[in-house]
């Protein structure tokens, strides 16, 4: 009788084990390499023909090292953090937009020209002066608006870096559909891409 119980137990456990192995094999057989990759940090920086000026609507790509041409990790971390907080689909992700007015003036700017920024979970306005490829920008502190509920540490750090960099902008350079802003930091520039109009 004991022998029968031992044999029955072995058969029973081996059948359970084989079912578990079959399930594991089924999971492994699904090719994990076919998952869709998230490319919200990648931009096509190829030259595009067209007439691009300072007054084009610009989308921020990232902070780029001038020598190595590598982009910072902070911008991508902020985008990823914002996306995970909002739970939005990739196509609806908020773009970081810079618009410089061609003739819009403001009393707050001493009748100077204005610009607007829509950032990650924030927006703000400022004043600028431009001439001979030089530019001076100043963000109006009273215009800073941070949207509640979505301000994670990477997003806050990114917005602070973006604001400081714009306030320190000295030179701009436009190459095809790209605009570069240079400030006090010799090794870093802000890279913008002309936003295609829908």
C-alpha atoms as a PDB file:
ATOM      1  CA  UNK A   1       0.000   0.000   0.000  1.00  0.00           C
ATOM      2  CA  UNK A   2       2.834   2.389   0.860  1.00  0.00           C
ATOM      3  CA  UNK A   3       4.463   1.660  -2.473  1.00  0.00           C
ATOM      4  CA  UNK A   4       1.180   2.504  -4.253  1.00  0.00           C
ATOM      5  CA  UNK A   5       0.926   5.875  -2.441  1.00  0.00           C
ATOM      6  CA  UNK A   6       4.545   6.726  -3.288  1.00  0.00           C
ATOM      7  CA  UNK A   7       4.064   5.821  -6.978  1.00  0.00           C
ATOM      8  CA  UNK A   8       0.761   7.733  -7.122  1.00  0.00           C
ATOM      9  CA  UNK A   9       2.376  10.804  -5.523  1.00  0.00           C
ATOM     10  CA  UNK A  10       5.270  10.747  -7.984  1.00  0.00           C
ATOM     11  CA  UNK A  11       2.916  10.471 -10.962  1.00  0.00           C
ATOM     12  CA  UNK A  12       0.681  13.241  -9.603  1.00  0.00           C
ATOM     13  CA  UNK A  13       3.530  15.692  -8.906  1.00  0.00           C
ATOM     14  CA  UNK A  14       5.271  14.980 -12.213  1.00  0.00           C
ATOM     15  CA  UNK A  15       2.030  15.743 -14.095  1.00  0.00           C
ATOM     16  CA  UNK A  16       1.667  19.049 -12.210  1.00  0.00           C
ATOM     17  CA  UNK A  17       5.284  19.865 -12.911  1.00  0.00           C
ATOM     18  CA  UNK A  18       4.912  19.127 -16.630  1.00  0.00           C
ATOM     19  CA  UNK A  19       1.851  21.444 -16.777  1.00  0.00           C
ATOM     20  CA  UNK A  20       3.885  24.243 -15.140  1.00  0.00           C
ATOM     21  CA  UNK A  21       6.745  23.678 -17.589  1.00  0.00           C
ATOM     22  CA  UNK A  22       4.320  23.816 -20.504  1.00  0.00           C
ATOM     23  CA  UNK A  23       3.091  27.201 -19.256  1.00  0.00           C
ATOM     24  CA  UNK A  24       6.659  28.472 -18.890  1.00  0.00           C
ATOM     25  CA  UNK A  25       7.516  27.260 -22.386  1.00  0.00           C
ATOM     26  CA  UNK A  26       4.449  29.077 -23.709  1.00  0.00           C
ATOM     27  CA  UNK A  27       5.581  32.378 -22.160  1.00  0.00           C
ATOM     28  CA  UNK A  28       9.132  31.984 -23.451  1.00  0.00           C
ATOM     29  CA  UNK A  29       7.906  31.186 -26.962  1.00  0.00           C
ATOM     30  CA  UNK A  30       6.338  34.693 -27.272  1.00  0.00           C
ATOM     31  CA  UNK A  31       9.175  36.662 -28.896  1.00  0.00           C
ATOM     32  CA  UNK A  32       9.904  39.551 -26.430  1.00  0.00           C
ATOM     33  CA  UNK A  33      11.935  41.364 -29.096  1.00  0.00           C
ATOM     34  CA  UNK A  34       8.750  42.275 -30.947  1.00  0.00           C
ATOM     35  CA  UNK A  35       7.483  44.704 -28.297  1.00  0.00           C
ATOM     36  CA  UNK A  36       6.957  48.278 -29.447  1.00  0.00           C
ATOM     37  CA  UNK A  37       9.812  50.556 -28.425  1.00  0.00           C
ATOM     38  CA  UNK A  38       9.118  53.956 -26.885  1.00  0.00           C
ATOM     39  CA  UNK A  39      10.943  56.550 -28.949  1.00  0.00           C
ATOM     40  CA  UNK A  40       9.569  59.725 -27.379  1.00  0.00           C
ATOM     41  CA  UNK A  41      13.151  60.863 -26.666  1.00  0.00           C
ATOM     42  CA  UNK A  42      14.329  60.478 -30.255  1.00  0.00           C
ATOM     43  CA  UNK A  43      13.940  63.122 -32.958  1.00  0.00           C
ATOM     44  CA  UNK A  44      14.682  63.103 -36.662  1.00  0.00           C
ATOM     45  CA  UNK A  45      17.328  65.818 -36.966  1.00  0.00           C
ATOM     46  CA  UNK A  46      17.832  65.435 -40.715  1.00  0.00           C
ATOM     47  CA  UNK A  47      17.854  68.703 -42.673  1.00  0.00           C
ATOM     48  CA  UNK A  48      14.532  69.701 -44.211  1.00  0.00           C
ATOM     49  CA  UNK A  49      14.113  72.197 -47.021  1.00  0.00           C
ATOM     50  CA  UNK A  50      12.089  75.283 -46.225  1.00  0.00           C
ATOM     51  CA  UNK A  51      12.153  78.867 -45.052  1.00  0.00           C
ATOM     52  CA  UNK A  52      12.873  78.818 -41.321  1.00  0.00           C
ATOM     53  CA  UNK A  53      13.309  81.946 -39.237  1.00  0.00           C
ATOM     54  CA  UNK A  54      13.414  82.906 -35.592  1.00  0.00           C
ATOM     55  CA  UNK A  55       9.625  83.227 -35.714  1.00  0.00           C
ATOM     56  CA  UNK A  56       9.022  79.608 -36.671  1.00  0.00           C
ATOM     57  CA  UNK A  57       7.255  77.539 -34.014  1.00  0.00           C
ATOM     58  CA  UNK A  58      10.055  75.521 -32.399  1.00  0.00           C
ATOM     59  CA  UNK A  59       9.896  72.197 -30.551  1.00  0.00           C
ATOM     60  CA  UNK A  60      12.551  71.609 -27.902  1.00  0.00           C
ATOM     61  CA  UNK A  61      14.663  68.497 -28.491  1.00  0.00           C
ATOM     62  CA  UNK A  62      17.083  68.643 -25.562  1.00  0.00           C
ATOM     63  CA  UNK A  63      20.269  70.049 -24.090  1.00  0.00           C
ATOM     64  CA  UNK A  64      23.182  68.968 -26.267  1.00  0.00           C
ATOM     65  CA  UNK A  65      26.890  68.808 -25.493  1.00  0.00           C
ATOM     66  CA  UNK A  66      28.549  71.040 -28.082  1.00  0.00           C
ATOM     67  CA  UNK A  67      31.607  68.820 -28.649  1.00  0.00           C
ATOM     68  CA  UNK A  68      30.272  65.263 -28.314  1.00  0.00           C
ATOM     69  CA  UNK A  69      26.810  66.091 -29.760  1.00  0.00           C
ATOM     70  CA  UNK A  70      25.252  63.839 -27.111  1.00  0.00           C
ATOM     71  CA  UNK A  71      21.949  64.870 -25.580  1.00  0.00           C
ATOM     72  CA  UNK A  72      21.306  65.142 -21.855  1.00  0.00           C
ATOM     73  CA  UNK A  73      19.436  62.470 -19.903  1.00  0.00           C
ATOM     74  CA  UNK A  74      17.356  64.954 -17.866  1.00  0.00           C
ATOM     75  CA  UNK A  75      15.028  65.922 -20.730  1.00  0.00           C
ATOM     76  CA  UNK A  76      14.234  62.295 -21.526  1.00  0.00           C
ATOM     77  CA  UNK A  77      13.735  61.464 -17.826  1.00  0.00           C
ATOM     78  CA  UNK A  78      11.302  64.380 -17.476  1.00  0.00           C
ATOM     79  CA  UNK A  79       9.365  63.276 -20.562  1.00  0.00           C
ATOM     80  CA  UNK A  80       9.203  59.670 -19.298  1.00  0.00           C
ATOM     81  CA  UNK A  81       8.131  60.804 -15.825  1.00  0.00           C
ATOM     82  CA  UNK A  82       5.401  63.049 -17.226  1.00  0.00           C
ATOM     83  CA  UNK A  83       4.159  60.301 -19.526  1.00  0.00           C
ATOM     84  CA  UNK A  84       3.965  57.749 -16.706  1.00  0.00           C
ATOM     85  CA  UNK A  85       2.174  60.195 -14.389  1.00  0.00           C
ATOM     86  CA  UNK A  86      -0.470  61.152 -16.929  1.00  0.00           C
ATOM     87  CA  UNK A  87      -0.885  57.658 -18.314  1.00  0.00           C
ATOM     88  CA  UNK A  88      -1.395  59.100 -21.788  1.00  0.00           C
ATOM     89  CA  UNK A  89      -0.728  57.354 -25.050  1.00  0.00           C
ATOM     90  CA  UNK A  90       2.530  58.256 -26.744  1.00  0.00           C
ATOM     91  CA  UNK A  91       0.890  60.204 -29.580  1.00  0.00           C
ATOM     92  CA  UNK A  92      -0.781  62.604 -27.123  1.00  0.00           C
ATOM     93  CA  UNK A  93       2.410  63.483 -25.295  1.00  0.00           C
ATOM     94  CA  UNK A  94       2.824  67.189 -24.671  1.00  0.00           C
ATOM     95  CA  UNK A  95       5.443  68.860 -26.842  1.00  0.00           C
ATOM     96  CA  UNK A  96       7.823  71.471 -25.423  1.00  0.00           C
ATOM     97  CA  UNK A  97       7.170  74.510 -27.602  1.00  0.00           C
ATOM     98  CA  UNK A  98       8.896  77.889 -28.020  1.00  0.00           C
ATOM     99  CA  UNK A  99       7.172  80.697 -29.955  1.00  0.00           C
ATOM    100  CA  UNK A 100       8.845  84.074 -30.435  1.00  0.00           C
ATOM    101  CA  UNK A 101       6.530  86.858 -31.562  1.00  0.00           C
ATOM    102  CA  UNK A 102       7.505  88.883 -34.597  1.00  0.00           C
ATOM    103  CA  UNK A 103       5.613  91.995 -33.588  1.00  0.00           C
ATOM    104  CA  UNK A 104       3.777  91.169 -30.341  1.00  0.00           C
ATOM    105  CA  UNK A 105       4.724  93.663 -27.663  1.00  0.00           C
ATOM    106  CA  UNK A 106       3.960  93.778 -23.991  1.00  0.00           C
ATOM    107  CA  UNK A 107       3.883  96.492 -21.347  1.00  0.00           C
ATOM    108  CA  UNK A 108       5.659  94.042 -19.026  1.00  0.00           C
ATOM    109  CA  UNK A 109       8.488  93.951 -21.574  1.00  0.00           C
ATOM    110  CA  UNK A 110       8.729  97.753 -21.820  1.00  0.00           C
ATOM    111  CA  UNK A 111       6.998  97.514 -25.186  1.00  0.00           C
ATOM    112  CA  UNK A 112       9.579  94.890 -26.195  1.00  0.00           C
ATOM    113  CA  UNK A 113       8.908  91.646 -28.052  1.00  0.00           C
ATOM    114  CA  UNK A 114       7.545  88.603 -26.271  1.00  0.00           C
ATOM    115  CA  UNK A 115       7.917  84.823 -26.362  1.00  0.00           C
ATOM    116  CA  UNK A 116       5.920  81.916 -24.964  1.00  0.00           C
ATOM    117  CA  UNK A 117       6.992  78.499 -23.748  1.00  0.00           C
ATOM    118  CA  UNK A 118       4.786  75.473 -23.195  1.00  0.00           C
ATOM    119  CA  UNK A 119       6.897  73.082 -21.162  1.00  0.00           C
ATOM    120  CA  UNK A 120       6.274  69.810 -19.359  1.00  0.00           C
ATOM    121  CA  UNK A 121       3.511  70.543 -16.841  1.00  0.00           C
ATOM    122  CA  UNK A 122       4.352  74.266 -16.990  1.00  0.00           C
ATOM    123  CA  UNK A 123       4.052  77.369 -19.135  1.00  0.00           C
ATOM    124  CA  UNK A 124       5.639  80.823 -19.027  1.00  0.00           C
ATOM    125  CA  UNK A 125       6.221  83.999 -21.032  1.00  0.00           C
ATOM    126  CA  UNK A 126       9.137  86.324 -21.441  1.00  0.00           C
ATOM    127  CA  UNK A 127      10.706  89.226 -23.287  1.00  0.00           C
ATOM    128  CA  UNK A 128      13.483  89.136 -25.848  1.00  0.00           C
ATOM    129  CA  UNK A 129      15.706  91.378 -27.952  1.00  0.00           C
ATOM    130  CA  UNK A 130      17.379  90.150 -31.118  1.00  0.00           C
ATOM    131  CA  UNK A 131      19.983  91.415 -33.541  1.00  0.00           C
ATOM    132  CA  UNK A 132      22.974  90.197 -35.625  1.00  0.00           C
ATOM    133  CA  UNK A 133      22.427  86.569 -34.486  1.00  0.00           C
ATOM    134  CA  UNK A 134      22.564  87.687 -30.862  1.00  0.00           C
ATOM    135  CA  UNK A 135      19.616  87.329 -28.537  1.00  0.00           C
ATOM    136  CA  UNK A 136      18.770  88.326 -24.972  1.00  0.00           C
ATOM    137  CA  UNK A 137      15.868  86.606 -23.224  1.00  0.00           C
ATOM    138  CA  UNK A 138      14.205  87.272 -19.904  1.00  0.00           C
ATOM    139  CA  UNK A 139      11.450  85.160 -18.373  1.00  0.00           C
ATOM    140  CA  UNK A 140       8.723  87.046 -16.521  1.00  0.00           C
ATOM    141  CA  UNK A 141       8.529  85.400 -13.090  1.00  0.00           C
ATOM    142  CA  UNK A 142       4.879  86.388 -12.658  1.00  0.00           C
ATOM    143  CA  UNK A 143       4.007  84.388 -15.785  1.00  0.00           C
ATOM    144  CA  UNK A 144       5.358  81.082 -14.429  1.00  0.00           C
ATOM    145  CA  UNK A 145       2.517  78.586 -14.163  1.00  0.00           C
ATOM    146  CA  UNK A 146       3.100  75.045 -12.935  1.00  0.00           C
ATOM    147  CA  UNK A 147       0.207  72.651 -13.479  1.00  0.00           C
ATOM    148  CA  UNK A 148      -0.735  70.850 -10.247  1.00  0.00           C
ATOM    149  CA  UNK A 149      -0.447  67.133  -9.726  1.00  0.00           C
ATOM    150  CA  UNK A 150       2.209  66.212 -12.278  1.00  0.00           C
ATOM    151  CA  UNK A 151       5.389  67.835 -10.961  1.00  0.00           C
ATOM    152  CA  UNK A 152       7.793  64.997 -10.256  1.00  0.00           C
ATOM    153  CA  UNK A 153      11.432  65.642  -9.394  1.00  0.00           C
ATOM    154  CA  UNK A 154      12.723  65.110 -12.982  1.00  0.00           C
ATOM    155  CA  UNK A 155      10.040  67.469 -14.350  1.00  0.00           C
ATOM    156  CA  UNK A 156      10.827  70.176 -11.782  1.00  0.00           C
ATOM    157  CA  UNK A 157      14.581  69.840 -12.397  1.00  0.00           C
ATOM    158  CA  UNK A 158      14.051  69.994 -16.167  1.00  0.00           C
ATOM    159  CA  UNK A 159      11.869  73.125 -15.999  1.00  0.00           C
ATOM    160  CA  UNK A 160      14.372  74.854 -13.722  1.00  0.00           C
ATOM    161  CA  UNK A 161      17.222  74.045 -16.132  1.00  0.00           C
ATOM    162  CA  UNK A 162      15.193  75.209 -19.138  1.00  0.00           C
ATOM    163  CA  UNK A 163      14.258  78.508 -17.466  1.00  0.00           C
ATOM    164  CA  UNK A 164      17.857  79.204 -16.414  1.00  0.00           C
ATOM    165  CA  UNK A 165      19.167  78.342 -19.879  1.00  0.00           C
ATOM    166  CA  UNK A 166      16.674  80.625 -21.642  1.00  0.00           C
ATOM    167  CA  UNK A 167      17.440  83.465 -19.228  1.00  0.00           C
ATOM    168  CA  UNK A 168      21.134  83.082 -20.106  1.00  0.00           C
ATOM    169  CA  UNK A 169      20.703  82.783 -23.887  1.00  0.00           C
ATOM    170  CA  UNK A 170      23.164  84.995 -25.786  1.00  0.00           C
ATOM    171  CA  UNK A 171      23.411  83.652 -29.327  1.00  0.00           C
ATOM    172  CA  UNK A 172      21.097  81.782 -31.658  1.00  0.00           C
ATOM    173  CA  UNK A 173      21.966  79.978 -34.849  1.00  0.00           C
ATOM    174  CA  UNK A 174      19.540  78.495 -37.398  1.00  0.00           C
ATOM    175  CA  UNK A 175      20.620  75.607 -39.631  1.00  0.00           C
ATOM    176  CA  UNK A 176      17.912  74.365 -41.961  1.00  0.00           C
ATOM    177  CA  UNK A 177      15.022  73.260 -39.697  1.00  0.00           C
ATOM    178  CA  UNK A 178      17.042  73.439 -36.463  1.00  0.00           C
ATOM    179  CA  UNK A 179      17.706  76.323 -34.081  1.00  0.00           C
ATOM    180  CA  UNK A 180      20.509  76.314 -31.516  1.00  0.00           C
ATOM    181  CA  UNK A 181      20.580  78.623 -28.501  1.00  0.00           C
ATOM    182  CA  UNK A 182      23.883  79.221 -26.722  1.00  0.00           C
ATOM    183  CA  UNK A 183      24.270  80.760 -23.292  1.00  0.00           C
ATOM    184  CA  UNK A 184      26.864  81.114 -20.553  1.00  0.00           C
ATOM    185  CA  UNK A 185      27.749  77.412 -20.584  1.00  0.00           C
ATOM    186  CA  UNK A 186      30.349  76.812 -23.291  1.00  0.00           C
ATOM    187  CA  UNK A 187      29.750  73.067 -23.497  1.00  0.00           C
ATOM    188  CA  UNK A 188      25.954  73.050 -23.764  1.00  0.00           C
ATOM    189  CA  UNK A 189      23.383  74.353 -26.217  1.00  0.00           C
ATOM    190  CA  UNK A 190      19.616  74.141 -26.492  1.00  0.00           C
ATOM    191  CA  UNK A 191      18.422  72.368 -29.628  1.00  0.00           C
ATOM    192  CA  UNK A 192      15.046  73.112 -31.222  1.00  0.00           C
ATOM    193  CA  UNK A 193      13.399  71.582 -34.250  1.00  0.00           C
ATOM    194  CA  UNK A 194      10.950  73.438 -36.505  1.00  0.00           C
ATOM    195  CA  UNK A 195       7.496  72.103 -35.691  1.00  0.00           C
ATOM    196  CA  UNK A 196       5.616  70.841 -38.691  1.00  0.00           C
ATOM    197  CA  UNK A 197       2.242  72.547 -38.959  1.00  0.00           C
ATOM    198  CA  UNK A 198      -0.742  70.178 -39.125  1.00  0.00           C
END
